[in-house]
Amino acid sequence: MGSASGPQIEDESVRERARELGKEIGRRGHIFINGACPGLPHDAFLGAKEAGAFTLGVSPAFSEHEHVAEYRSPVGHDLLIYTGLGFMERDIINIRSSDGIVIIAGGIGSLNEFTIAYEEGRSIAILTESGGISDSIPYIVEELCRRKVAPNMVFDSDPKTLMDKLEAAVAKYPLPIHEDGRVVDQDKPEPRRSDWWWQEKGRRG
């Protein structure tokens, strides 16, 4: 997940780290999933393809024609799913299809992906020093939203080290087993997501 357009994709050093991140995903034998969009997610896709990963794209478009001609997005994934849902709804499928997500730079769209992943308890890796929201996630979570940086959120500026941390987080923290755990789990003695999940002590939501 990350910037598909904007000033972040003009930074060649960030683009190179996106490609390296994709390569790391491929080298480790993981399936690579992205939103089938241009920019940094596409750079990561190219790296993953180079390293031999199976690549899955989740398009907002209804058809290949709409994907290419109207969304102006690339093709070439091993499997490309045309959801016909647009950007925001597409993001839900993208996140729920992933064991863990990585955010590189990012703007409003990436922030939407981040909040879905956070709300649903997915492991999240942030490539720091890449610009965009990636350099402000702790501030957004803790200062603006009065929540906590979750223990299954990891940060690093190096793609290889970041993937090491993400793999450890995915192994340690289980995937959600139902939607809206804050509501379903709130009266259990030990909520599935524990104390880090709640906004403030004594206040859940």
N, C-alpha and C. Protein backbone atom coordinates (compact mmCIF):
# COMPACT_ATOMS: atom_id res chain seq x y z
N MET A 1 0.85 -1.17 0.00
CA MET A 1 0.00 0.00 0.00
C MET A 1 0.90 1.24 0.00
N GLY A 2 0.50 2.24 -0.74
CA GLY A 2 1.33 3.43 -0.76
C GLY A 2 0.92 4.38 -1.87
N SER A 3 1.74 5.37 -2.09
CA SER A 3 1.42 6.44 -3.02
C SER A 3 1.36 5.94 -4.46
N ALA A 4 0.20 6.16 -5.10
CA ALA A 4 0.07 5.84 -6.52
C ALA A 4 0.39 7.05 -7.38
N SER A 5 0.36 8.23 -6.78
CA SER A 5 0.65 9.47 -7.50
C SER A 5 1.15 10.50 -6.49
N GLY A 6 1.50 11.67 -6.99
CA GLY A 6 1.93 12.73 -6.09
C GLY A 6 3.44 12.83 -5.96
N PRO A 7 3.91 13.76 -5.13
CA PRO A 7 5.35 14.02 -5.05
C PRO A 7 6.18 12.85 -4.53
N GLN A 8 5.56 11.95 -3.74
CA GLN A 8 6.34 10.83 -3.19
C GLN A 8 6.91 9.92 -4.28
N ILE A 9 6.17 9.79 -5.39
CA ILE A 9 6.65 8.87 -6.44
C ILE A 9 7.74 9.50 -7.29
N GLU A 10 8.06 10.77 -7.03
CA GLU A 10 9.13 11.43 -7.76
C GLU A 10 10.48 11.25 -7.08
N ASP A 11 10.48 10.67 -5.88
CA ASP A 11 11.72 10.44 -5.14
C ASP A 11 12.28 9.07 -5.53
N GLU A 12 13.36 9.08 -6.29
CA GLU A 12 13.91 7.82 -6.82
C GLU A 12 14.40 6.90 -5.71
N SER A 13 14.88 7.47 -4.61
CA SER A 13 15.36 6.61 -3.52
C SER A 13 14.19 5.86 -2.87
N VAL A 14 13.03 6.50 -2.77
CA VAL A 14 11.84 5.82 -2.23
C VAL A 14 11.35 4.76 -3.20
N ARG A 15 11.37 5.06 -4.48
CA ARG A 15 10.96 4.08 -5.49
C ARG A 15 11.86 2.85 -5.46
N GLU A 16 13.14 3.08 -5.27
CA GLU A 16 14.08 1.95 -5.20
C GLU A 16 13.81 1.10 -3.97
N ARG A 17 13.49 1.73 -2.85
CA ARG A 17 13.16 0.94 -1.65
C ARG A 17 11.85 0.19 -1.83
N ALA A 18 10.91 0.75 -2.58
CA ALA A 18 9.67 0.03 -2.89
C ALA A 18 9.98 -1.22 -3.71
N ARG A 19 10.84 -1.09 -4.70
CA ARG A 19 11.23 -2.26 -5.50
C ARG A 19 11.94 -3.29 -4.64
N GLU A 20 12.81 -2.83 -3.74
CA GLU A 20 13.52 -3.75 -2.87
C GLU A 20 12.57 -4.46 -1.92
N LEU A 21 11.56 -3.75 -1.46
CA LEU A 21 10.55 -4.37 -0.60
C LEU A 21 9.84 -5.49 -1.35
N GLY A 22 9.45 -5.23 -2.60
CA GLY A 22 8.82 -6.26 -3.40
C GLY A 22 9.72 -7.48 -3.58
N LYS A 23 10.99 -7.23 -3.80
CA LYS A 23 11.94 -8.34 -3.94
C LYS A 23 12.01 -9.17 -2.66
N GLU A 24 12.00 -8.48 -1.52
CA GLU A 24 12.06 -9.20 -0.24
C GLU A 24 10.83 -10.10 -0.07
N ILE A 25 9.67 -9.58 -0.46
CA ILE A 25 8.45 -10.39 -0.36
C ILE A 25 8.58 -11.63 -1.23
N GLY A 26 9.11 -11.47 -2.44
CA GLY A 26 9.29 -12.60 -3.33
C GLY A 26 10.33 -13.58 -2.85
N ARG A 27 11.44 -13.08 -2.36
CA ARG A 27 12.51 -13.95 -1.87
C ARG A 27 12.06 -14.84 -0.73
N ARG A 28 11.12 -14.34 0.06
CA ARG A 28 10.66 -15.07 1.23
C ARG A 28 9.50 -16.02 0.92
N GLY A 29 9.10 -16.07 -0.34
CA GLY A 29 8.06 -17.00 -0.74
C GLY A 29 6.64 -16.57 -0.45
N HIS A 30 6.44 -15.27 -0.21
CA HIS A 30 5.10 -14.77 0.08
C HIS A 30 4.35 -14.41 -1.20
N ILE A 31 3.03 -14.42 -1.12
CA ILE A 31 2.20 -13.89 -2.20
C ILE A 31 2.18 -12.38 -2.08
N PHE A 32 2.36 -11.71 -3.20
CA PHE A 32 2.35 -10.25 -3.22
C PHE A 32 0.97 -9.77 -3.66
N ILE A 33 0.35 -8.91 -2.84
CA ILE A 33 -0.97 -8.35 -3.15
C ILE A 33 -0.87 -6.83 -3.14
N ASN A 34 -1.42 -6.21 -4.17
CA ASN A 34 -1.56 -4.75 -4.14
C ASN A 34 -2.85 -4.35 -4.85
N GLY A 35 -3.08 -3.05 -4.94
CA GLY A 35 -4.31 -2.54 -5.52
C GLY A 35 -4.26 -2.38 -7.03
N ALA A 36 -3.24 -3.00 -7.67
CA ALA A 36 -3.11 -2.96 -9.13
C ALA A 36 -3.07 -1.53 -9.65
N CYS A 37 -2.38 -0.68 -8.92
CA CYS A 37 -2.32 0.74 -9.27
C CYS A 37 -0.89 1.13 -9.67
N PRO A 38 -0.70 2.30 -10.24
CA PRO A 38 0.65 2.77 -10.57
C PRO A 38 1.38 3.27 -9.33
N GLY A 39 2.53 3.91 -9.54
CA GLY A 39 3.28 4.51 -8.44
C GLY A 39 4.09 3.52 -7.64
N LEU A 40 4.21 3.79 -6.34
CA LEU A 40 5.05 2.96 -5.47
C LEU A 40 4.54 1.52 -5.36
N PRO A 41 3.22 1.28 -5.28
CA PRO A 41 2.77 -0.11 -5.27
C PRO A 41 3.19 -0.88 -6.53
N HIS A 42 3.24 -0.18 -7.67
CA HIS A 42 3.67 -0.84 -8.90
C HIS A 42 5.17 -1.10 -8.89
N ASP A 43 5.94 -0.18 -8.32
CA ASP A 43 7.38 -0.43 -8.18
C ASP A 43 7.62 -1.67 -7.33
N ALA A 44 6.87 -1.79 -6.23
CA ALA A 44 7.01 -2.99 -5.38
C ALA A 44 6.59 -4.24 -6.15
N PHE A 45 5.54 -4.11 -6.95
CA PHE A 45 5.09 -5.23 -7.79
C PHE A 45 6.20 -5.69 -8.73
N LEU A 46 6.87 -4.76 -9.38
CA LEU A 46 7.96 -5.11 -10.30
C LEU A 46 9.08 -5.86 -9.57
N GLY A 47 9.39 -5.42 -8.36
CA GLY A 47 10.41 -6.11 -7.57
C GLY A 47 9.98 -7.51 -7.20
N ALA A 48 8.71 -7.65 -6.82
CA ALA A 48 8.19 -8.97 -6.45
C ALA A 48 8.21 -9.92 -7.64
N LYS A 49 7.81 -9.42 -8.82
CA LYS A 49 7.84 -10.24 -10.03
C LYS A 49 9.26 -10.69 -10.34
N GLU A 50 10.20 -9.78 -10.19
CA GLU A 50 11.60 -10.10 -10.47
C GLU A 50 12.10 -11.20 -9.55
N ALA A 51 11.61 -11.22 -8.31
CA ALA A 51 12.04 -12.23 -7.33
C ALA A 51 11.21 -13.51 -7.40
N GLY A 52 10.25 -13.58 -8.33
CA GLY A 52 9.51 -14.81 -8.52
C GLY A 52 8.26 -14.97 -7.68
N ALA A 53 7.76 -13.89 -7.10
CA ALA A 53 6.55 -13.99 -6.27
C ALA A 53 5.32 -14.19 -7.15
N PHE A 54 4.32 -14.88 -6.60
CA PHE A 54 3.00 -14.88 -7.21
C PHE A 54 2.37 -13.55 -6.87
N THR A 55 1.86 -12.86 -7.89
CA THR A 55 1.35 -11.50 -7.68
C THR A 55 -0.16 -11.45 -7.94
N LEU A 56 -0.86 -10.81 -7.02
CA LEU A 56 -2.31 -10.68 -7.08
C LEU A 56 -2.66 -9.20 -7.03
N GLY A 57 -3.42 -8.74 -8.01
CA GLY A 57 -3.88 -7.35 -8.04
C GLY A 57 -5.37 -7.28 -7.78
N VAL A 58 -5.79 -6.33 -6.94
CA VAL A 58 -7.20 -6.13 -6.62
C VAL A 58 -7.60 -4.76 -7.18
N SER A 59 -8.21 -4.78 -8.34
CA SER A 59 -8.51 -3.54 -9.06
C SER A 59 -9.84 -2.93 -8.62
N PRO A 60 -9.92 -1.60 -8.61
CA PRO A 60 -11.21 -0.95 -8.34
C PRO A 60 -12.14 -1.00 -9.55
N ALA A 61 -11.59 -1.37 -10.71
CA ALA A 61 -12.33 -1.29 -11.95
C ALA A 61 -13.27 -2.47 -12.17
N PHE A 62 -14.23 -2.27 -13.08
CA PHE A 62 -15.21 -3.29 -13.43
C PHE A 62 -14.66 -4.26 -14.47
N SER A 63 -13.73 -3.79 -15.29
CA SER A 63 -13.22 -4.59 -16.40
C SER A 63 -11.79 -4.18 -16.71
N GLU A 64 -11.13 -4.96 -17.55
CA GLU A 64 -9.78 -4.61 -17.96
C GLU A 64 -9.78 -3.29 -18.71
N HIS A 65 -10.79 -3.08 -19.54
CA HIS A 65 -10.87 -1.81 -20.26
C HIS A 65 -10.95 -0.63 -19.30
N GLU A 66 -11.84 -0.71 -18.32
CA GLU A 66 -11.97 0.38 -17.36
C GLU A 66 -10.69 0.53 -16.54
N HIS A 67 -10.08 -0.60 -16.19
CA HIS A 67 -8.84 -0.58 -15.41
C HIS A 67 -7.74 0.20 -16.13
N VAL A 68 -7.58 -0.08 -17.42
CA VAL A 68 -6.50 0.54 -18.19
C VAL A 68 -6.88 1.93 -18.70
N ALA A 69 -8.08 2.05 -19.29
CA ALA A 69 -8.45 3.28 -19.98
C ALA A 69 -8.92 4.38 -19.04
N GLU A 70 -9.61 4.01 -17.97
CA GLU A 70 -10.18 5.04 -17.09
C GLU A 70 -9.38 5.21 -15.80
N TYR A 71 -9.00 4.09 -15.16
CA TYR A 71 -8.18 4.20 -13.96
C TYR A 71 -6.70 4.37 -14.30
N ARG A 72 -6.36 4.14 -15.58
CA ARG A 72 -4.98 4.30 -16.06
C ARG A 72 -4.00 3.51 -15.20
N SER A 73 -4.35 2.26 -15.00
CA SER A 73 -3.55 1.40 -14.13
C SER A 73 -2.92 0.28 -14.92
N PRO A 74 -1.81 -0.27 -14.42
CA PRO A 74 -1.07 -1.30 -15.16
C PRO A 74 -1.69 -2.68 -15.02
N VAL A 75 -1.32 -3.55 -15.95
CA VAL A 75 -1.68 -4.96 -15.88
C VAL A 75 -0.38 -5.76 -15.78
N GLY A 76 -0.50 -7.08 -15.68
CA GLY A 76 0.71 -7.91 -15.60
C GLY A 76 0.77 -8.80 -14.40
N HIS A 77 -0.19 -8.68 -13.47
CA HIS A 77 -0.23 -9.58 -12.31
C HIS A 77 -0.54 -11.01 -12.76
N ASP A 78 -0.12 -11.97 -11.96
CA ASP A 78 -0.48 -13.35 -12.24
C ASP A 78 -1.99 -13.54 -12.16
N LEU A 79 -2.62 -12.84 -11.23
CA LEU A 79 -4.08 -12.86 -11.11
C LEU A 79 -4.54 -11.44 -10.83
N LEU A 80 -5.44 -10.93 -11.65
CA LEU A 80 -5.95 -9.57 -11.49
C LEU A 80 -7.47 -9.64 -11.34
N ILE A 81 -7.96 -9.23 -10.18
CA ILE A 81 -9.39 -9.30 -9.87
C ILE A 81 -10.02 -7.93 -10.11
N TYR A 82 -11.05 -7.90 -10.96
CA TYR A 82 -11.77 -6.67 -11.23
C TYR A 82 -13.00 -6.62 -10.32
N THR A 83 -12.93 -5.81 -9.28
CA THR A 83 -13.99 -5.80 -8.27
C THR A 83 -15.18 -4.95 -8.70
N GLY A 84 -14.94 -3.90 -9.48
CA GLY A 84 -16.01 -2.97 -9.84
C GLY A 84 -16.51 -2.15 -8.66
N LEU A 85 -15.71 -2.06 -7.60
CA LEU A 85 -16.16 -1.43 -6.36
C LEU A 85 -15.63 -0.02 -6.15
N GLY A 86 -14.75 0.46 -7.02
CA GLY A 86 -14.13 1.75 -6.77
C GLY A 86 -13.01 1.64 -5.76
N PHE A 87 -12.36 2.76 -5.50
CA PHE A 87 -11.16 2.74 -4.66
C PHE A 87 -11.43 2.30 -3.22
N MET A 88 -12.39 2.95 -2.56
CA MET A 88 -12.54 2.75 -1.12
C MET A 88 -13.00 1.34 -0.78
N GLU A 89 -14.04 0.85 -1.47
CA GLU A 89 -14.54 -0.49 -1.17
C GLU A 89 -13.53 -1.55 -1.58
N ARG A 90 -12.80 -1.28 -2.68
CA ARG A 90 -11.74 -2.19 -3.09
C ARG A 90 -10.71 -2.41 -1.97
N ASP A 91 -10.44 -1.35 -1.24
CA ASP A 91 -9.43 -1.44 -0.18
C ASP A 91 -9.78 -2.50 0.86
N ILE A 92 -11.06 -2.67 1.16
CA ILE A 92 -11.47 -3.67 2.16
C ILE A 92 -11.08 -5.07 1.71
N ILE A 93 -11.34 -5.38 0.44
CA ILE A 93 -10.95 -6.69 -0.09
C ILE A 93 -9.45 -6.85 -0.06
N ASN A 94 -8.75 -5.81 -0.43
CA ASN A 94 -7.29 -5.82 -0.44
C ASN A 94 -6.74 -6.16 0.95
N ILE A 95 -7.22 -5.47 1.96
CA ILE A 95 -6.74 -5.67 3.32
C ILE A 95 -7.11 -7.05 3.85
N ARG A 96 -8.36 -7.45 3.65
CA ARG A 96 -8.82 -8.71 4.21
C ARG A 96 -8.20 -9.92 3.51
N SER A 97 -7.60 -9.70 2.37
CA SER A 97 -6.91 -10.79 1.66
C SER A 97 -5.46 -10.93 2.10
N SER A 98 -5.01 -10.09 3.01
CA SER A 98 -3.59 -10.04 3.39
C SER A 98 -3.38 -10.45 4.84
N ASP A 99 -2.32 -11.22 5.08
CA ASP A 99 -1.92 -11.55 6.45
C ASP A 99 -1.30 -10.34 7.13
N GLY A 100 -0.58 -9.54 6.36
CA GLY A 100 0.03 -8.33 6.88
C GLY A 100 0.13 -7.32 5.76
N ILE A 101 0.19 -6.04 6.09
CA ILE A 101 0.30 -5.02 5.05
C ILE A 101 1.52 -4.14 5.30
N VAL A 102 2.02 -3.57 4.21
CA VAL A 102 3.13 -2.62 4.29
C VAL A 102 2.69 -1.32 3.65
N ILE A 103 2.98 -0.22 4.30
CA ILE A 103 2.65 1.10 3.76
C ILE A 103 3.93 1.86 3.47
N ILE A 104 4.00 2.37 2.23
CA ILE A 104 5.15 3.17 1.78
C ILE A 104 4.63 4.56 1.42
N ALA A 105 5.16 5.58 2.08
CA ALA A 105 4.72 6.96 1.84
C ALA A 105 3.21 7.02 2.04
N GLY A 106 2.45 7.38 1.02
CA GLY A 106 0.99 7.31 1.12
C GLY A 106 0.31 8.63 1.38
N GLY A 107 -0.91 8.73 0.85
CA GLY A 107 -1.77 9.88 1.06
C GLY A 107 -3.12 9.46 1.60
N ILE A 108 -4.19 10.09 1.13
CA ILE A 108 -5.53 9.81 1.63
C ILE A 108 -5.93 8.35 1.41
N GLY A 109 -5.68 7.83 0.21
CA GLY A 109 -6.03 6.44 -0.07
C GLY A 109 -5.32 5.47 0.84
N SER A 110 -4.03 5.69 1.06
CA SER A 110 -3.25 4.82 1.94
C SER A 110 -3.71 4.95 3.38
N LEU A 111 -4.14 6.16 3.76
CA LEU A 111 -4.67 6.35 5.10
C LEU A 111 -5.94 5.53 5.29
N ASN A 112 -6.77 5.46 4.26
CA ASN A 112 -7.96 4.61 4.32
C ASN A 112 -7.56 3.15 4.51
N GLU A 113 -6.56 2.70 3.78
CA GLU A 113 -6.10 1.32 3.92
C GLU A 113 -5.53 1.07 5.31
N PHE A 114 -4.79 2.04 5.81
CA PHE A 114 -4.24 1.90 7.16
C PHE A 114 -5.34 1.77 8.21
N THR A 115 -6.36 2.63 8.13
CA THR A 115 -7.39 2.59 9.17
C THR A 115 -8.19 1.29 9.11
N ILE A 116 -8.42 0.75 7.91
CA ILE A 116 -9.10 -0.54 7.81
C ILE A 116 -8.25 -1.61 8.49
N ALA A 117 -6.96 -1.64 8.16
CA ALA A 117 -6.07 -2.66 8.73
C ALA A 117 -5.98 -2.51 10.25
N TYR A 118 -5.90 -1.28 10.73
CA TYR A 118 -5.80 -1.03 12.17
C TYR A 118 -7.07 -1.49 12.87
N GLU A 119 -8.22 -1.06 12.35
CA GLU A 119 -9.49 -1.41 12.97
C GLU A 119 -9.70 -2.92 13.03
N GLU A 120 -9.20 -3.63 12.04
CA GLU A 120 -9.43 -5.07 11.95
C GLU A 120 -8.29 -5.89 12.54
N GLY A 121 -7.31 -5.23 13.14
CA GLY A 121 -6.27 -5.95 13.87
C GLY A 121 -5.22 -6.61 13.02
N ARG A 122 -5.05 -6.18 11.77
CA ARG A 122 -4.01 -6.77 10.92
C ARG A 122 -2.64 -6.27 11.33
N SER A 123 -1.63 -7.09 11.10
CA SER A 123 -0.26 -6.64 11.31
C SER A 123 0.10 -5.63 10.23
N ILE A 124 0.74 -4.54 10.65
CA ILE A 124 1.03 -3.42 9.76
C ILE A 124 2.51 -3.07 9.86
N ALA A 125 3.14 -2.92 8.70
CA ALA A 125 4.54 -2.48 8.64
C ALA A 125 4.60 -1.13 7.93
N ILE A 126 5.34 -0.20 8.52
CA ILE A 126 5.46 1.14 7.97
C ILE A 126 6.91 1.37 7.53
N LEU A 127 7.10 1.64 6.23
CA LEU A 127 8.44 1.97 5.75
C LEU A 127 8.68 3.45 6.03
N THR A 128 9.45 3.72 7.05
CA THR A 128 9.67 5.10 7.48
C THR A 128 10.64 5.82 6.55
N GLU A 129 10.71 7.13 6.73
CA GLU A 129 11.56 8.00 5.92
C GLU A 129 11.23 7.88 4.43
N SER A 130 9.94 7.64 4.15
CA SER A 130 9.51 7.54 2.76
C SER A 130 8.51 8.64 2.40
N GLY A 131 8.22 9.53 3.34
CA GLY A 131 7.31 10.63 3.08
C GLY A 131 5.86 10.25 3.32
N GLY A 132 4.95 11.18 3.00
CA GLY A 132 3.53 10.91 3.14
C GLY A 132 3.12 10.56 4.56
N ILE A 133 2.07 9.76 4.68
CA ILE A 133 1.57 9.42 6.01
C ILE A 133 2.52 8.49 6.77
N SER A 134 3.42 7.83 6.06
CA SER A 134 4.31 6.86 6.72
C SER A 134 5.17 7.50 7.80
N ASP A 135 5.46 8.77 7.63
CA ASP A 135 6.28 9.46 8.62
C ASP A 135 5.45 10.10 9.73
N SER A 136 4.13 9.89 9.71
CA SER A 136 3.26 10.53 10.70
C SER A 136 2.30 9.57 11.38
N ILE A 137 2.46 8.28 11.16
CA ILE A 137 1.50 7.31 11.71
C ILE A 137 1.40 7.38 13.24
N PRO A 138 2.50 7.38 14.00
CA PRO A 138 2.35 7.48 15.46
C PRO A 138 1.59 8.73 15.89
N TYR A 139 1.84 9.85 15.21
CA TYR A 139 1.13 11.09 15.55
C TYR A 139 -0.36 10.96 15.25
N ILE A 140 -0.69 10.39 14.11
CA ILE A 140 -2.09 10.21 13.74
C ILE A 140 -2.81 9.33 14.76
N VAL A 141 -2.18 8.22 15.11
CA VAL A 141 -2.82 7.25 16.00
C VAL A 141 -2.92 7.80 17.42
N GLU A 142 -1.81 8.29 17.95
CA GLU A 142 -1.76 8.63 19.37
C GLU A 142 -2.25 10.03 19.68
N GLU A 143 -1.84 11.00 18.88
CA GLU A 143 -2.18 12.39 19.20
C GLU A 143 -3.55 12.79 18.66
N LEU A 144 -3.85 12.41 17.44
CA LEU A 144 -5.12 12.82 16.83
C LEU A 144 -6.27 11.90 17.22
N CYS A 145 -6.01 10.60 17.20
CA CYS A 145 -7.10 9.64 17.45
C CYS A 145 -7.15 9.15 18.89
N ARG A 146 -6.14 9.48 19.70
CA ARG A 146 -6.09 9.07 21.10
C ARG A 146 -6.19 7.55 21.26
N ARG A 147 -5.56 6.84 20.34
CA ARG A 147 -5.47 5.39 20.42
C ARG A 147 -4.00 5.04 20.67
N LYS A 148 -3.69 3.77 20.62
CA LYS A 148 -2.32 3.33 20.86
C LYS A 148 -1.74 2.69 19.61
N VAL A 149 -0.44 2.89 19.42
CA VAL A 149 0.26 2.14 18.38
C VAL A 149 0.25 0.68 18.80
N ALA A 150 -0.36 -0.15 17.99
CA ALA A 150 -0.56 -1.55 18.35
C ALA A 150 0.75 -2.33 18.37
N PRO A 151 0.84 -3.37 19.17
CA PRO A 151 2.07 -4.16 19.21
C PRO A 151 2.35 -4.92 17.92
N ASN A 152 1.34 -5.07 17.06
CA ASN A 152 1.59 -5.72 15.78
C ASN A 152 1.82 -4.71 14.66
N MET A 153 2.17 -3.48 15.04
CA MET A 153 2.62 -2.47 14.09
C MET A 153 4.13 -2.32 14.23
N VAL A 154 4.83 -2.37 13.10
CA VAL A 154 6.30 -2.30 13.12
C VAL A 154 6.77 -1.19 12.18
N PHE A 155 7.95 -0.66 12.47
CA PHE A 155 8.47 0.48 11.73
C PHE A 155 9.95 0.25 11.41
N ASP A 156 10.35 0.59 10.21
CA ASP A 156 11.78 0.62 9.87
C ASP A 156 11.95 1.28 8.51
N SER A 157 13.13 1.85 8.28
CA SER A 157 13.42 2.49 7.00
C SER A 157 14.05 1.53 6.00
N ASP A 158 14.47 0.36 6.48
CA ASP A 158 15.12 -0.63 5.61
C ASP A 158 14.14 -1.73 5.26
N PRO A 159 13.91 -2.00 3.97
CA PRO A 159 12.90 -3.00 3.58
C PRO A 159 13.15 -4.39 4.16
N LYS A 160 14.40 -4.84 4.17
CA LYS A 160 14.69 -6.18 4.68
C LYS A 160 14.39 -6.28 6.17
N THR A 161 14.85 -5.29 6.93
CA THR A 161 14.61 -5.29 8.38
C THR A 161 13.11 -5.17 8.66
N LEU A 162 12.43 -4.36 7.86
CA LEU A 162 10.99 -4.19 8.05
C LEU A 162 10.26 -5.51 7.82
N MET A 163 10.65 -6.26 6.81
CA MET A 163 10.02 -7.56 6.55
C MET A 163 10.32 -8.56 7.66
N ASP A 164 11.52 -8.51 8.23
CA ASP A 164 11.82 -9.36 9.38
C ASP A 164 10.85 -9.08 10.52
N LYS A 165 10.64 -7.80 10.79
CA LYS A 165 9.74 -7.39 11.88
C LYS A 165 8.29 -7.77 11.58
N LEU A 166 7.88 -7.60 10.32
CA LEU A 166 6.50 -7.92 9.96
C LEU A 166 6.24 -9.42 10.07
N GLU A 167 7.16 -10.23 9.62
CA GLU A 167 6.99 -11.68 9.74
C GLU A 167 6.86 -12.10 11.20
N ALA A 168 7.65 -11.47 12.06
CA ALA A 168 7.57 -11.79 13.49
C ALA A 168 6.22 -11.38 14.06
N ALA A 169 5.70 -10.21 13.64
CA ALA A 169 4.41 -9.74 14.14
C ALA A 169 3.28 -10.65 13.67
N VAL A 170 3.31 -11.06 12.41
CA VAL A 170 2.27 -11.95 11.87
C VAL A 170 2.28 -13.27 12.61
N ALA A 171 3.49 -13.77 12.92
CA ALA A 171 3.60 -15.05 13.64
C ALA A 171 3.10 -14.94 15.07
N LYS A 172 3.30 -13.78 15.70
CA LYS A 172 2.96 -13.62 17.11
C LYS A 172 1.50 -13.28 17.34
N TYR A 173 0.93 -12.46 16.46
CA TYR A 173 -0.43 -11.97 16.67
C TYR A 173 -1.37 -12.60 15.65
N PRO A 174 -2.39 -13.32 16.09
CA PRO A 174 -3.28 -14.03 15.17
C PRO A 174 -4.15 -13.09 14.37
N LEU A 175 -4.57 -13.56 13.21
CA LEU A 175 -5.49 -12.79 12.39
C LEU A 175 -6.85 -12.70 13.09
N PRO A 176 -7.60 -11.65 12.84
CA PRO A 176 -8.95 -11.55 13.42
C PRO A 176 -9.82 -12.72 12.97
N ILE A 177 -10.74 -13.14 13.83
CA ILE A 177 -11.64 -14.24 13.48
C ILE A 177 -13.06 -13.74 13.24
N HIS A 178 -13.31 -12.45 13.48
CA HIS A 178 -14.60 -11.86 13.16
C HIS A 178 -14.43 -10.36 13.02
N GLU A 179 -15.42 -9.75 12.39
CA GLU A 179 -15.38 -8.31 12.18
C GLU A 179 -15.81 -7.58 13.45
N ASP A 180 -15.34 -6.33 13.60
CA ASP A 180 -15.75 -5.46 14.70
C ASP A 180 -15.49 -6.09 16.07
N GLY A 181 -14.26 -6.53 16.28
CA GLY A 181 -13.90 -7.16 17.54
C GLY A 181 -14.06 -6.26 18.75
N ARG A 182 -13.98 -4.94 18.53
CA ARG A 182 -14.14 -4.03 19.66
C ARG A 182 -15.52 -4.16 20.26
N VAL A 183 -16.51 -4.45 19.41
CA VAL A 183 -17.89 -4.61 19.89
C VAL A 183 -18.12 -6.02 20.41
N VAL A 184 -17.72 -7.00 19.63
CA VAL A 184 -18.00 -8.40 19.97
C VAL A 184 -17.24 -8.84 21.21
N ASP A 185 -16.01 -8.35 21.36
CA ASP A 185 -15.15 -8.82 22.45
C ASP A 185 -15.21 -7.95 23.70
N GLN A 186 -15.98 -6.88 23.70
CA GLN A 186 -15.82 -5.87 24.74
C GLN A 186 -16.16 -6.36 26.15
N ASP A 187 -17.01 -7.35 26.30
CA ASP A 187 -17.39 -7.82 27.63
C ASP A 187 -16.67 -9.09 28.06
N LYS A 188 -15.70 -9.52 27.25
CA LYS A 188 -14.95 -10.72 27.62
C LYS A 188 -13.85 -10.34 28.61
N PRO A 189 -13.51 -11.26 29.54
CA PRO A 189 -12.49 -10.95 30.54
C PRO A 189 -11.16 -10.54 29.92
N GLU A 190 -10.78 -11.20 28.80
CA GLU A 190 -9.53 -10.87 28.13
C GLU A 190 -9.84 -10.63 26.66
N PRO A 191 -10.18 -9.41 26.29
CA PRO A 191 -10.49 -9.13 24.89
C PRO A 191 -9.38 -9.59 23.96
N ARG A 192 -9.75 -10.04 22.80
CA ARG A 192 -8.79 -10.61 21.86
C ARG A 192 -7.64 -9.65 21.57
N ARG A 193 -7.93 -8.36 21.56
CA ARG A 193 -6.88 -7.41 21.22
C ARG A 193 -6.30 -6.72 22.44
N SER A 194 -6.73 -7.06 23.61
CA SER A 194 -6.13 -6.61 24.87
C SER A 194 -6.22 -5.10 25.03
N ASP A 195 -5.47 -4.57 25.98
CA ASP A 195 -5.63 -3.18 26.38
C ASP A 195 -5.22 -2.17 25.30
N TRP A 196 -4.31 -2.55 24.40
CA TRP A 196 -3.85 -1.59 23.42
C TRP A 196 -4.97 -1.14 22.49
N TRP A 197 -6.05 -1.91 22.43
CA TRP A 197 -7.08 -1.65 21.45
C TRP A 197 -7.94 -0.44 21.79
N TRP A 198 -8.14 -0.18 23.07
CA TRP A 198 -9.12 0.82 23.46
C TRP A 198 -8.53 2.23 23.42
N GLN A 199 -9.41 3.20 23.20
CA GLN A 199 -8.95 4.58 23.07
C GLN A 199 -8.32 5.09 24.36
N GLU A 200 -9.02 4.94 25.47
CA GLU A 200 -8.52 5.41 26.75
C GLU A 200 -8.92 4.39 27.80
N LYS A 201 -8.19 4.37 28.90
CA LYS A 201 -8.53 3.45 29.96
C LYS A 201 -9.94 3.71 30.44
N GLY A 202 -10.75 2.67 30.48
CA GLY A 202 -12.12 2.80 30.92
C GLY A 202 -13.08 3.21 29.82
N ARG A 203 -12.54 3.52 28.64
CA ARG A 203 -13.41 3.90 27.53
C ARG A 203 -13.06 3.07 26.31
N ARG A 204 -14.02 2.33 25.81
CA ARG A 204 -13.76 1.46 24.67
C ARG A 204 -14.49 1.99 23.44
N GLY A 205 -13.85 1.87 22.27
CA GLY A 205 -14.50 2.31 21.05
C GLY A 205 -13.52 2.84 20.04
